[in-house]
Amino acid sequence: MGDGKIGQLLDSLGVVADLDEGDMPVDAHVLLKVVKADGTVSLVKAVSESLDWISAVGMLTAALHIENNGYTAAHDDD
Protein backbone atom coordinates (compact mmCIF):
# COMPACT_ATOMS: atom_id res chain seq x y z
CA MET A 1 0.00 0.00 0.00
CA GLY A 2 2.85 2.41 0.74
CA ASP A 3 2.84 5.78 2.44
CA GLY A 4 -0.36 7.77 2.47
CA LYS A 5 -2.25 10.39 4.41
CA ILE A 6 -4.26 8.89 7.27
CA GLY A 7 -6.67 11.67 8.23
CA GLN A 8 -9.72 9.88 6.82
CA LEU A 9 -8.58 6.62 8.39
CA LEU A 10 -8.36 8.25 11.82
CA ASP A 11 -11.80 9.80 11.25
CA SER A 12 -13.26 6.40 10.35
CA LEU A 13 -11.81 4.93 13.57
CA GLY A 14 -13.53 7.67 15.59
CA VAL A 15 -10.31 9.32 16.78
CA VAL A 16 -11.07 12.62 18.54
CA ALA A 17 -9.00 15.13 20.49
CA ASP A 18 -10.06 17.46 23.30
CA LEU A 19 -9.01 20.86 21.91
CA ASP A 20 -10.06 24.29 23.08
CA GLU A 21 -11.04 27.22 20.86
CA GLY A 22 -7.84 28.80 19.55
CA ASP A 23 -5.66 25.71 20.14
CA MET A 24 -3.25 25.10 17.27
CA PRO A 25 -1.97 21.52 16.93
CA VAL A 26 1.57 21.61 15.52
CA ASP A 27 2.73 17.97 15.54
CA ALA A 28 1.27 14.48 15.72
CA HIS A 29 2.58 11.07 16.71
CA VAL A 30 0.18 8.27 15.81
CA LEU A 31 0.45 4.60 16.77
CA LEU A 32 -1.80 2.24 14.81
CA LYS A 33 -2.61 -1.38 15.66
CA VAL A 34 -2.92 -3.17 12.32
CA VAL A 35 -4.27 -6.63 11.56
CA LYS A 36 -2.53 -7.90 8.44
CA ALA A 37 -4.27 -9.94 5.71
CA ASP A 38 -2.71 -13.13 7.14
CA GLY A 39 -4.12 -12.38 10.61
CA THR A 40 -0.89 -11.22 12.24
CA VAL A 41 -1.01 -8.06 14.33
CA SER A 42 1.56 -5.29 14.10
CA LEU A 43 2.11 -1.71 15.18
CA VAL A 44 2.69 1.12 12.72
CA LYS A 45 4.04 4.50 13.78
CA ALA A 46 3.27 7.68 11.85
CA VAL A 47 4.44 11.20 12.63
CA SER A 48 3.88 14.65 11.20
CA GLU A 49 6.54 15.97 8.82
CA SER A 50 7.98 18.50 11.24
CA LEU A 51 8.20 16.20 14.28
CA ASP A 52 11.84 15.74 15.30
CA TRP A 53 13.02 12.64 17.18
CA ILE A 54 13.54 14.46 20.48
CA SER A 55 9.95 15.74 20.49
CA ALA A 56 8.72 12.30 19.36
CA VAL A 57 10.40 10.64 22.35
CA GLY A 58 9.03 13.35 24.65
CA MET A 59 5.50 12.87 23.33
CA LEU A 60 5.73 9.08 23.81
CA THR A 61 7.08 9.54 27.33
CA ALA A 62 4.28 11.98 28.17
CA ALA A 63 1.67 9.61 26.69
CA LEU A 64 2.98 6.75 28.85
CA HIS A 65 2.84 8.95 31.94
CA ILE A 66 -0.72 10.06 31.17
CA GLU A 67 -1.85 6.45 30.49
CA ASN A 68 -0.28 5.22 33.73
CA ASN A 69 -1.10 8.14 36.03
CA GLY A 70 -3.88 10.16 34.46
CA TYR A 71 -3.69 13.81 33.50
CA THR A 72 -4.46 16.88 35.52
CA ALA A 73 -4.39 20.24 33.77
CA ALA A 74 -2.31 22.96 35.42
CA HIS A 75 -4.48 25.74 36.84
CA ASP A 76 -3.62 29.42 36.92
CA ASP A 77 -3.05 30.76 40.43
CA ASP A 78 -4.67 34.14 39.62
C-alpha atoms as a PDB file:
ATOM      1  CA  MET A   1       0.000   0.000   0.000  1.00  0.00           C
ATOM      2  CA  GLY A   2       2.849   2.411   0.735  1.00  0.00           C
ATOM      3  CA  ASP A   3       2.841   5.781   2.443  1.00  0.00           C
ATOM      4  CA  GLY A   4      -0.357   7.771   2.466  1.00  0.00           C
ATOM      5  CA  LYS A   5      -2.252  10.388   4.408  1.00  0.00           C
ATOM      6  CA  ILE A   6      -4.259   8.887   7.275  1.00  0.00           C
ATOM      7  CA  GLY A   7      -6.671  11.666   8.231  1.00  0.00           C
ATOM      8  CA  GLN A   8      -9.718   9.883   6.817  1.00  0.00           C
ATOM      9  CA  LEU A   9      -8.578   6.619   8.388  1.00  0.00           C
ATOM     10  CA  LEU A  10      -8.361   8.250  11.817  1.00  0.00           C
ATOM     11  CA  ASP A  11     -11.796   9.802  11.254  1.00  0.00           C
ATOM     12  CA  SER A  12     -13.264   6.402  10.355  1.00  0.00           C
ATOM     13  CA  LEU A  13     -11.810   4.934  13.566  1.00  0.00           C
ATOM     14  CA  GLY A  14     -13.525   7.667  15.585  1.00  0.00           C
ATOM     15  CA  VAL A  15     -10.311   9.325  16.783  1.00  0.00           C
ATOM     16  CA  VAL A  16     -11.069  12.616  18.544  1.00  0.00           C
ATOM     17  CA  ALA A  17      -9.005  15.133  20.493  1.00  0.00           C
ATOM     18  CA  ASP A  18     -10.060  17.463  23.295  1.00  0.00           C
ATOM     19  CA  LEU A  19      -9.008  20.856  21.908  1.00  0.00           C
ATOM     20  CA  ASP A  20     -10.061  24.293  23.082  1.00  0.00           C
ATOM     21  CA  GLU A  21     -11.036  27.219  20.861  1.00  0.00           C
ATOM     22  CA  GLY A  22      -7.840  28.797  19.546  1.00  0.00           C
ATOM     23  CA  ASP A  23      -5.658  25.711  20.141  1.00  0.00           C
ATOM     24  CA  MET A  24      -3.246  25.100  17.274  1.00  0.00           C
ATOM     25  CA  PRO A  25      -1.967  21.525  16.931  1.00  0.00           C
ATOM     26  CA  VAL A  26       1.568  21.606  15.523  1.00  0.00           C
ATOM     27  CA  ASP A  27       2.726  17.968  15.542  1.00  0.00           C
ATOM     28  CA  ALA A  28       1.267  14.481  15.718  1.00  0.00           C
ATOM     29  CA  HIS A  29       2.580  11.069  16.715  1.00  0.00           C
ATOM     30  CA  VAL A  30       0.181   8.265  15.812  1.00  0.00           C
ATOM     31  CA  LEU A  31       0.453   4.603  16.773  1.00  0.00           C
ATOM     32  CA  LEU A  32      -1.796   2.239  14.814  1.00  0.00           C
ATOM     33  CA  LYS A  33      -2.610  -1.375  15.658  1.00  0.00           C
ATOM     34  CA  VAL A  34      -2.924  -3.168  12.322  1.00  0.00           C
ATOM     35  CA  VAL A  35      -4.274  -6.633  11.564  1.00  0.00           C
ATOM     36  CA  LYS A  36      -2.527  -7.899   8.435  1.00  0.00           C
ATOM     37  CA  ALA A  37      -4.270  -9.942   5.710  1.00  0.00           C
ATOM     38  CA  ASP A  38      -2.707 -13.127   7.135  1.00  0.00           C
ATOM     39  CA  GLY A  39      -4.120 -12.381  10.605  1.00  0.00           C
ATOM     40  CA  THR A  40      -0.887 -11.216  12.238  1.00  0.00           C
ATOM     41  CA  VAL A  41      -1.007  -8.063  14.330  1.00  0.00           C
ATOM     42  CA  SER A  42       1.565  -5.293  14.100  1.00  0.00           C
ATOM     43  CA  LEU A  43       2.108  -1.708  15.175  1.00  0.00           C
ATOM     44  CA  VAL A  44       2.685   1.115  12.716  1.00  0.00           C
ATOM     45  CA  LYS A  45       4.045   4.497  13.778  1.00  0.00           C
ATOM     46  CA  ALA A  46       3.266   7.679  11.848  1.00  0.00           C
ATOM     47  CA  VAL A  47       4.441  11.202  12.629  1.00  0.00           C
ATOM     48  CA  SER A  48       3.878  14.650  11.196  1.00  0.00           C
ATOM     49  CA  GLU A  49       6.540  15.973   8.818  1.00  0.00           C
ATOM     50  CA  SER A  50       7.979  18.504  11.239  1.00  0.00           C
ATOM     51  CA  LEU A  51       8.203  16.200  14.282  1.00  0.00           C
ATOM     52  CA  ASP A  52      11.838  15.745  15.298  1.00  0.00           C
ATOM     53  CA  TRP A  53      13.019  12.643  17.181  1.00  0.00           C
ATOM     54  CA  ILE A  54      13.535  14.464  20.480  1.00  0.00           C
ATOM     55  CA  SER A  55       9.955  15.743  20.485  1.00  0.00           C
ATOM     56  CA  ALA A  56       8.715  12.300  19.361  1.00  0.00           C
ATOM     57  CA  VAL A  57      10.399  10.636  22.354  1.00  0.00           C
ATOM     58  CA  GLY A  58       9.030  13.351  24.648  1.00  0.00           C
ATOM     59  CA  MET A  59       5.498  12.866  23.328  1.00  0.00           C
ATOM     60  CA  LEU A  60       5.733   9.084  23.813  1.00  0.00           C
ATOM     61  CA  THR A  61       7.081   9.541  27.335  1.00  0.00           C
ATOM     62  CA  ALA A  62       4.278  11.981  28.166  1.00  0.00           C
ATOM     63  CA  ALA A  63       1.665   9.611  26.694  1.00  0.00           C
ATOM     64  CA  LEU A  64       2.976   6.747  28.849  1.00  0.00           C
ATOM     65  CA  HIS A  65       2.843   8.952  31.944  1.00  0.00           C
ATOM     66  CA  ILE A  66      -0.719  10.056  31.167  1.00  0.00           C
ATOM     67  CA  GLU A  67      -1.845   6.452  30.488  1.00  0.00           C
ATOM     68  CA  ASN A  68      -0.275   5.222  33.728  1.00  0.00           C
ATOM     69  CA  ASN A  69      -1.104   8.144  36.029  1.00  0.00           C
ATOM     70  CA  GLY A  70      -3.884  10.162  34.461  1.00  0.00           C
ATOM     71  CA  TYR A  71      -3.691  13.807  33.497  1.00  0.00           C
ATOM     72  CA  THR A  72      -4.459  16.883  35.524  1.00  0.00           C
ATOM     73  CA  ALA A  73      -4.387  20.244  33.774  1.00  0.00           C
ATOM     74  CA  ALA A  74      -2.309  22.964  35.416  1.00  0.00           C
ATOM     75  CA  HIS A  75      -4.477  25.740  36.838  1.00  0.00           C
ATOM     76  CA  ASP A  76      -3.618  29.423  36.924  1.00  0.00           C
ATOM     77  CA  ASP A  77      -3.046  30.763  40.432  1.00  0.00           C
ATOM     78  CA  ASP A  78      -4.665  34.140  39.621  1.00  0.00           C
END
